[in-house]
C-alpha cells in the first residue's frame, strides 16, 4: 500500500490513465476528482450489477 499526501488542486496518476485531483479538504471529508485519460466510462460500485461486474473485472485485470 502506498500513502500519498496532496494539497488542494494537486493530482496524481494511476496506471498511466487515471488522474486523481484533490478538489477540497473539509473537516471530515476529502473531495476528489477522477478523470480517465482514455475517455473510458467510470464504473461505480453502487451502480454496477453483478452481471456487469463479471464482464468488467476480467477486462480491468488484463490492463
Foldseek 3Di string as FASTA:
>chain_A
DDDDDDDAQDWDDDPVFWIKGFHDDDDPDTDIDIGGNVPDDDDDPVPDDPVRCVVPVVVVVVD
